[in-house]
């Protein structure tokens, strides 16, 4: 996996203004080895606990906008703090992690370090955060407003019914009806039906 191990000062380029010092304090205090990686399809970030004398390891996708990068880093720091307190005795995204993550995130929110629309989306999830920000559709929509837009890329929910789109692996689908929270979409080549999140990014065909 291609990655870049960033000196602390270089990390500032990935973070919102006025957040660098606090983030670095956590990284130094808990001896975190932070890696900024290329985009990964399945995860935005990852945490590996310290073992055999090695430091805690956190990786975050470097293609995220600054606010998404910080939220993902806070998510992974919460895993570190949960492990530091409970070891492997609790569920990865159980009530202990949720409590720690909400506390960390609330500290940044209270300092008004996020734009108003992101702050509103975060406040709505502080009581019961999802295992991934990708699972919080409202937050994903708002964070996407701060991405560099790529021509031809859209969310599934933005396409009209019957429109065709391509996923990152090149498969072509036709958008169908919404079933509860997800859209039924038919793969053109096989006729198989799949369910897509409304905020899944695809390429217009």
C-alpha atoms as a PDB file:
ATOM      1  CA  UNK A   1       0.000   0.000   0.000  1.00  0.00           C
ATOM      2  CA  UNK A   2       1.452   3.348  -1.000  1.00  0.00           C
ATOM      3  CA  UNK A   3       1.697   5.715   1.899  1.00  0.00           C
ATOM      4  CA  UNK A   4       3.512   8.742   3.236  1.00  0.00           C
ATOM      5  CA  UNK A   5       4.858   9.056   6.759  1.00  0.00           C
ATOM      6  CA  UNK A   6       4.492  12.766   7.447  1.00  0.00           C
ATOM      7  CA  UNK A   7       6.633  14.894   9.758  1.00  0.00           C
ATOM      8  CA  UNK A   8       4.423  16.714  12.220  1.00  0.00           C
ATOM      9  CA  UNK A   9       4.621  20.095  10.471  1.00  0.00           C
ATOM     10  CA  UNK A  10       3.562  18.559   7.148  1.00  0.00           C
ATOM     11  CA  UNK A  11       0.440  17.253   8.883  1.00  0.00           C
ATOM     12  CA  UNK A  12      -0.882  20.814   9.182  1.00  0.00           C
ATOM     13  CA  UNK A  13      -1.713  20.796   5.462  1.00  0.00           C
ATOM     14  CA  UNK A  14      -4.285  18.051   6.040  1.00  0.00           C
ATOM     15  CA  UNK A  15      -6.023  19.687   9.020  1.00  0.00           C
ATOM     16  CA  UNK A  16      -8.419  22.619   9.474  1.00  0.00           C
ATOM     17  CA  UNK A  17      -6.972  25.833  10.874  1.00  0.00           C
ATOM     18  CA  UNK A  18      -6.329  25.956  14.637  1.00  0.00           C
ATOM     19  CA  UNK A  19      -6.487  22.169  15.100  1.00  0.00           C
ATOM     20  CA  UNK A  20      -2.844  21.227  14.514  1.00  0.00           C
ATOM     21  CA  UNK A  21      -1.517  21.808  18.050  1.00  0.00           C
ATOM     22  CA  UNK A  22      -4.245  19.785  19.749  1.00  0.00           C
ATOM     23  CA  UNK A  23      -3.931  16.905  17.287  1.00  0.00           C
ATOM     24  CA  UNK A  24      -0.150  16.772  17.649  1.00  0.00           C
ATOM     25  CA  UNK A  25      -0.495  16.781  21.428  1.00  0.00           C
ATOM     26  CA  UNK A  26      -2.536  13.568  21.226  1.00  0.00           C
ATOM     27  CA  UNK A  27      -0.089  11.990  18.785  1.00  0.00           C
ATOM     28  CA  UNK A  28       2.895  12.761  21.003  1.00  0.00           C
ATOM     29  CA  UNK A  29       1.176  11.844  24.264  1.00  0.00           C
ATOM     30  CA  UNK A  30       0.157   8.402  23.029  1.00  0.00           C
ATOM     31  CA  UNK A  31       3.207   7.850  20.808  1.00  0.00           C
ATOM     32  CA  UNK A  32       1.157   7.439  17.632  1.00  0.00           C
ATOM     33  CA  UNK A  33       2.784   6.506  14.332  1.00  0.00           C
ATOM     34  CA  UNK A  34       0.543   8.351  11.830  1.00  0.00           C
ATOM     35  CA  UNK A  35       0.464   7.373   8.168  1.00  0.00           C
ATOM     36  CA  UNK A  36      -1.346   9.289   5.431  1.00  0.00           C
ATOM     37  CA  UNK A  37      -2.351   6.845   2.704  1.00  0.00           C
ATOM     38  CA  UNK A  38      -3.788   6.946  -0.763  1.00  0.00           C
ATOM     39  CA  UNK A  39      -7.548   6.508  -1.132  1.00  0.00           C
ATOM     40  CA  UNK A  40      -8.829   3.150   0.094  1.00  0.00           C
ATOM     41  CA  UNK A  41     -12.214   1.984  -1.148  1.00  0.00           C
ATOM     42  CA  UNK A  42     -13.288   0.187   2.010  1.00  0.00           C
ATOM     43  CA  UNK A  43     -12.043   2.454   4.822  1.00  0.00           C
ATOM     44  CA  UNK A  44     -11.281   6.108   5.524  1.00  0.00           C
ATOM     45  CA  UNK A  45      -8.932   5.363   8.416  1.00  0.00           C
ATOM     46  CA  UNK A  46      -7.523   2.542  10.501  1.00  0.00           C
ATOM     47  CA  UNK A  47      -6.105   1.944  13.984  1.00  0.00           C
ATOM     48  CA  UNK A  48      -3.656  -0.743  15.121  1.00  0.00           C
ATOM     49  CA  UNK A  49      -2.819  -1.003  18.799  1.00  0.00           C
ATOM     50  CA  UNK A  50       0.729  -0.979  20.115  1.00  0.00           C
ATOM     51  CA  UNK A  51       2.258  -4.449  20.314  1.00  0.00           C
ATOM     52  CA  UNK A  52       5.750  -5.957  20.765  1.00  0.00           C
ATOM     53  CA  UNK A  53       7.262  -2.596  21.651  1.00  0.00           C
ATOM     54  CA  UNK A  54       5.897  -0.830  18.566  1.00  0.00           C
ATOM     55  CA  UNK A  55       3.895   2.403  18.705  1.00  0.00           C
ATOM     56  CA  UNK A  56       0.169   2.715  18.184  1.00  0.00           C
ATOM     57  CA  UNK A  57      -0.462   3.071  14.434  1.00  0.00           C
ATOM     58  CA  UNK A  58      -3.137   5.186  12.789  1.00  0.00           C
ATOM     59  CA  UNK A  59      -3.640   5.667   9.070  1.00  0.00           C
ATOM     60  CA  UNK A  60      -5.957   8.169   7.375  1.00  0.00           C
ATOM     61  CA  UNK A  61      -6.750   8.557   3.681  1.00  0.00           C
ATOM     62  CA  UNK A  62      -4.934  11.594   2.312  1.00  0.00           C
ATOM     63  CA  UNK A  63      -7.584  12.360  -0.323  1.00  0.00           C
ATOM     64  CA  UNK A  64     -10.116  13.507   2.300  1.00  0.00           C
ATOM     65  CA  UNK A  65     -10.948  17.177   2.685  1.00  0.00           C
ATOM     66  CA  UNK A  66      -9.589  18.795   5.863  1.00  0.00           C
ATOM     67  CA  UNK A  67     -12.776  18.394   7.891  1.00  0.00           C
ATOM     68  CA  UNK A  68     -13.299  14.764   6.891  1.00  0.00           C
ATOM     69  CA  UNK A  69      -9.614  14.085   7.638  1.00  0.00           C
ATOM     70  CA  UNK A  70      -9.939  15.508  11.152  1.00  0.00           C
ATOM     71  CA  UNK A  71     -13.185  13.637  11.893  1.00  0.00           C
ATOM     72  CA  UNK A  72     -11.625  10.378  10.689  1.00  0.00           C
ATOM     73  CA  UNK A  73      -8.497  10.980  12.771  1.00  0.00           C
ATOM     74  CA  UNK A  74     -10.645  11.670  15.867  1.00  0.00           C
ATOM     75  CA  UNK A  75     -12.536   8.415  15.148  1.00  0.00           C
ATOM     76  CA  UNK A  76      -9.261   6.469  15.154  1.00  0.00           C
ATOM     77  CA  UNK A  77      -7.891   8.293  18.209  1.00  0.00           C
ATOM     78  CA  UNK A  78     -11.053   7.220  20.024  1.00  0.00           C
ATOM     79  CA  UNK A  79     -10.168   3.610  19.196  1.00  0.00           C
ATOM     80  CA  UNK A  80      -6.714   4.186  20.680  1.00  0.00           C
ATOM     81  CA  UNK A  81      -8.117   5.696  23.891  1.00  0.00           C
ATOM     82  CA  UNK A  82     -10.669   2.902  24.163  1.00  0.00           C
ATOM     83  CA  UNK A  83      -7.927   0.302  23.826  1.00  0.00           C
ATOM     84  CA  UNK A  84      -5.742   2.195  26.300  1.00  0.00           C
ATOM     85  CA  UNK A  85      -8.557   1.999  28.865  1.00  0.00           C
ATOM     86  CA  UNK A  86     -10.207  -1.353  28.164  1.00  0.00           C
ATOM     87  CA  UNK A  87      -7.808  -3.357  26.026  1.00  0.00           C
ATOM     88  CA  UNK A  88      -9.638  -5.976  23.956  1.00  0.00           C
ATOM     89  CA  UNK A  89     -12.419  -6.405  26.534  1.00  0.00           C
ATOM     90  CA  UNK A  90     -15.023  -4.274  24.720  1.00  0.00           C
ATOM     91  CA  UNK A  91     -16.560  -4.147  21.247  1.00  0.00           C
ATOM     92  CA  UNK A  92     -14.736  -2.031  18.690  1.00  0.00           C
ATOM     93  CA  UNK A  93     -17.674   0.373  18.270  1.00  0.00           C
ATOM     94  CA  UNK A  94     -19.463  -0.366  21.515  1.00  0.00           C
ATOM     95  CA  UNK A  95     -20.748   2.060  24.128  1.00  0.00           C
ATOM     96  CA  UNK A  96     -17.245   2.677  25.498  1.00  0.00           C
ATOM     97  CA  UNK A  97     -15.895   3.767  22.118  1.00  0.00           C
ATOM     98  CA  UNK A  98     -19.002   5.856  21.426  1.00  0.00           C
ATOM     99  CA  UNK A  99     -18.607   7.675  24.751  1.00  0.00           C
ATOM    100  CA  UNK A 100     -14.922   8.439  24.142  1.00  0.00           C
ATOM    101  CA  UNK A 101     -15.431   9.441  20.506  1.00  0.00           C
ATOM    102  CA  UNK A 102     -18.339  11.736  21.387  1.00  0.00           C
ATOM    103  CA  UNK A 103     -16.251  13.378  24.103  1.00  0.00           C
ATOM    104  CA  UNK A 104     -13.286  13.988  21.785  1.00  0.00           C
ATOM    105  CA  UNK A 105     -15.481  15.274  18.982  1.00  0.00           C
ATOM    106  CA  UNK A 106     -17.512  17.525  21.284  1.00  0.00           C
ATOM    107  CA  UNK A 107     -14.311  19.266  22.344  1.00  0.00           C
ATOM    108  CA  UNK A 108     -13.544  20.257  18.758  1.00  0.00           C
ATOM    109  CA  UNK A 109     -17.169  21.178  18.041  1.00  0.00           C
ATOM    110  CA  UNK A 110     -17.389  23.432  21.110  1.00  0.00           C
ATOM    111  CA  UNK A 111     -14.332  25.347  19.931  1.00  0.00           C
ATOM    112  CA  UNK A 112     -16.199  26.155  16.707  1.00  0.00           C
ATOM    113  CA  UNK A 113     -13.519  24.652  14.505  1.00  0.00           C
ATOM    114  CA  UNK A 114     -15.993  23.346  11.926  1.00  0.00           C
ATOM    115  CA  UNK A 115     -18.254  25.311   9.548  1.00  0.00           C
ATOM    116  CA  UNK A 116     -21.840  25.716  10.761  1.00  0.00           C
ATOM    117  CA  UNK A 117     -23.304  23.058   8.458  1.00  0.00           C
ATOM    118  CA  UNK A 118     -20.776  20.421   9.551  1.00  0.00           C
ATOM    119  CA  UNK A 119     -21.262  21.416  13.195  1.00  0.00           C
ATOM    120  CA  UNK A 120     -25.017  20.899  12.891  1.00  0.00           C
ATOM    121  CA  UNK A 121     -24.514  17.468  11.292  1.00  0.00           C
ATOM    122  CA  UNK A 122     -22.022  16.452  13.973  1.00  0.00           C
ATOM    123  CA  UNK A 123     -24.230  17.568  16.838  1.00  0.00           C
ATOM    124  CA  UNK A 124     -27.017  15.344  15.575  1.00  0.00           C
ATOM    125  CA  UNK A 125     -24.735  12.299  15.797  1.00  0.00           C
ATOM    126  CA  UNK A 126     -22.915  12.987  19.062  1.00  0.00           C
ATOM    127  CA  UNK A 127     -25.434  11.050  21.176  1.00  0.00           C
ATOM    128  CA  UNK A 128     -25.062   7.833  19.193  1.00  0.00           C
ATOM    129  CA  UNK A 129     -22.255   7.979  16.617  1.00  0.00           C
ATOM    130  CA  UNK A 130     -22.129   5.415  13.833  1.00  0.00           C
ATOM    131  CA  UNK A 131     -19.249   2.992  13.389  1.00  0.00           C
ATOM    132  CA  UNK A 132     -18.147   5.032  10.374  1.00  0.00           C
ATOM    133  CA  UNK A 133     -18.865   8.541   9.143  1.00  0.00           C
ATOM    134  CA  UNK A 134     -19.731   6.818   5.851  1.00  0.00           C
ATOM    135  CA  UNK A 135     -22.760   5.365   7.633  1.00  0.00           C
ATOM    136  CA  UNK A 136     -24.031   8.827   8.576  1.00  0.00           C
ATOM    137  CA  UNK A 137     -25.652  10.001   5.377  1.00  0.00           C
ATOM    138  CA  UNK A 138     -26.412  13.525   6.560  1.00  0.00           C
ATOM    139  CA  UNK A 139     -22.797  14.072   7.577  1.00  0.00           C
ATOM    140  CA  UNK A 140     -21.523  12.581   4.325  1.00  0.00           C
ATOM    141  CA  UNK A 141     -23.665  14.971   2.278  1.00  0.00           C
ATOM    142  CA  UNK A 142     -22.391  17.984   4.180  1.00  0.00           C
ATOM    143  CA  UNK A 143     -18.737  16.919   4.105  1.00  0.00           C
ATOM    144  CA  UNK A 144     -18.979  16.407   0.362  1.00  0.00           C
ATOM    145  CA  UNK A 145     -19.631  20.150  -0.018  1.00  0.00           C
ATOM    146  CA  UNK A 146     -15.989  20.687   0.882  1.00  0.00           C
ATOM    147  CA  UNK A 147     -14.543  18.154  -1.571  1.00  0.00           C
ATOM    148  CA  UNK A 148     -12.858  19.162  -4.801  1.00  0.00           C
ATOM    149  CA  UNK A 149     -15.540  18.216  -7.333  1.00  0.00           C
ATOM    150  CA  UNK A 150     -14.681  15.812 -10.144  1.00  0.00           C
ATOM    151  CA  UNK A 151     -16.674  16.273 -13.380  1.00  0.00           C
ATOM    152  CA  UNK A 152     -19.036  13.380 -14.049  1.00  0.00           C
ATOM    153  CA  UNK A 153     -19.075  12.139 -10.439  1.00  0.00           C
ATOM    154  CA  UNK A 154     -22.389  12.193  -8.557  1.00  0.00           C
ATOM    155  CA  UNK A 155     -24.176  10.609  -5.637  1.00  0.00           C
ATOM    156  CA  UNK A 156     -26.636   7.831  -6.451  1.00  0.00           C
ATOM    157  CA  UNK A 157     -29.468   9.924  -4.991  1.00  0.00           C
ATOM    158  CA  UNK A 158     -28.661  12.778  -7.396  1.00  0.00           C
ATOM    159  CA  UNK A 159     -29.308  10.642 -10.484  1.00  0.00           C
ATOM    160  CA  UNK A 160     -32.803  10.296 -11.981  1.00  0.00           C
ATOM    161  CA  UNK A 161     -34.536   6.931 -11.987  1.00  0.00           C
ATOM    162  CA  UNK A 162     -33.460   4.901 -15.010  1.00  0.00           C
ATOM    163  CA  UNK A 163     -30.082   6.644 -15.284  1.00  0.00           C
ATOM    164  CA  UNK A 164     -27.026   4.474 -15.802  1.00  0.00           C
ATOM    165  CA  UNK A 165     -23.856   4.844 -13.782  1.00  0.00           C
ATOM    166  CA  UNK A 166     -20.504   3.125 -13.321  1.00  0.00           C
ATOM    167  CA  UNK A 167     -18.900   2.080 -10.056  1.00  0.00           C
ATOM    168  CA  UNK A 168     -15.175   2.377  -9.402  1.00  0.00           C
ATOM    169  CA  UNK A 169     -14.593  -1.179 -10.602  1.00  0.00           C
ATOM    170  CA  UNK A 170     -16.156  -0.338 -13.974  1.00  0.00           C
ATOM    171  CA  UNK A 171     -19.475  -2.175 -13.602  1.00  0.00           C
ATOM    172  CA  UNK A 172     -22.521  -0.456 -15.118  1.00  0.00           C
ATOM    173  CA  UNK A 173     -25.845  -0.180 -13.279  1.00  0.00           C
ATOM    174  CA  UNK A 174     -29.298   1.242 -13.914  1.00  0.00           C
ATOM    175  CA  UNK A 175     -30.843   3.142 -11.013  1.00  0.00           C
ATOM    176  CA  UNK A 176     -34.215   1.902  -9.778  1.00  0.00           C
ATOM    177  CA  UNK A 177     -36.598   2.705  -6.952  1.00  0.00           C
ATOM    178  CA  UNK A 178     -35.704   3.550  -3.381  1.00  0.00           C
ATOM    179  CA  UNK A 179     -36.354   0.725  -0.923  1.00  0.00           C
ATOM    180  CA  UNK A 180     -36.430   2.118   2.601  1.00  0.00           C
ATOM    181  CA  UNK A 181     -32.981   3.730   2.875  1.00  0.00           C
ATOM    182  CA  UNK A 182     -31.269   2.348  -0.230  1.00  0.00           C
ATOM    183  CA  UNK A 183     -31.797   2.308  -3.987  1.00  0.00           C
ATOM    184  CA  UNK A 184     -32.301  -0.893  -5.955  1.00  0.00           C
ATOM    185  CA  UNK A 185     -29.994  -0.835  -8.958  1.00  0.00           C
ATOM    186  CA  UNK A 186     -29.667  -3.435 -11.694  1.00  0.00           C
ATOM    187  CA  UNK A 187     -26.285  -4.454 -13.051  1.00  0.00           C
ATOM    188  CA  UNK A 188     -26.555  -4.126 -16.838  1.00  0.00           C
ATOM    189  CA  UNK A 189     -24.297  -7.089 -17.673  1.00  0.00           C
ATOM    190  CA  UNK A 190     -25.821  -9.681 -15.333  1.00  0.00           C
ATOM    191  CA  UNK A 191     -29.280  -8.377 -14.442  1.00  0.00           C
ATOM    192  CA  UNK A 192     -28.432  -8.827 -10.765  1.00  0.00           C
ATOM    193  CA  UNK A 193     -29.997  -6.349  -8.354  1.00  0.00           C
ATOM    194  CA  UNK A 194     -27.911  -4.526  -5.773  1.00  0.00           C
ATOM    195  CA  UNK A 195     -28.742  -2.024  -3.045  1.00  0.00           C
ATOM    196  CA  UNK A 196     -26.840   1.273  -3.071  1.00  0.00           C
ATOM    197  CA  UNK A 197     -26.533   3.906  -0.368  1.00  0.00           C
ATOM    198  CA  UNK A 198     -27.976   7.275  -1.474  1.00  0.00           C
ATOM    199  CA  UNK A 199     -24.599   8.924  -0.804  1.00  0.00           C
ATOM    200  CA  UNK A 200     -22.464   6.393  -2.697  1.00  0.00           C
ATOM    201  CA  UNK A 201     -20.335   8.179  -5.302  1.00  0.00           C
ATOM    202  CA  UNK A 202     -20.574   6.919  -8.890  1.00  0.00           C
ATOM    203  CA  UNK A 203     -19.600   8.031 -12.387  1.00  0.00           C
ATOM    204  CA  UNK A 204     -22.369   9.138 -14.728  1.00  0.00           C
ATOM    205  CA  UNK A 205     -22.654   7.125 -17.952  1.00  0.00           C
END
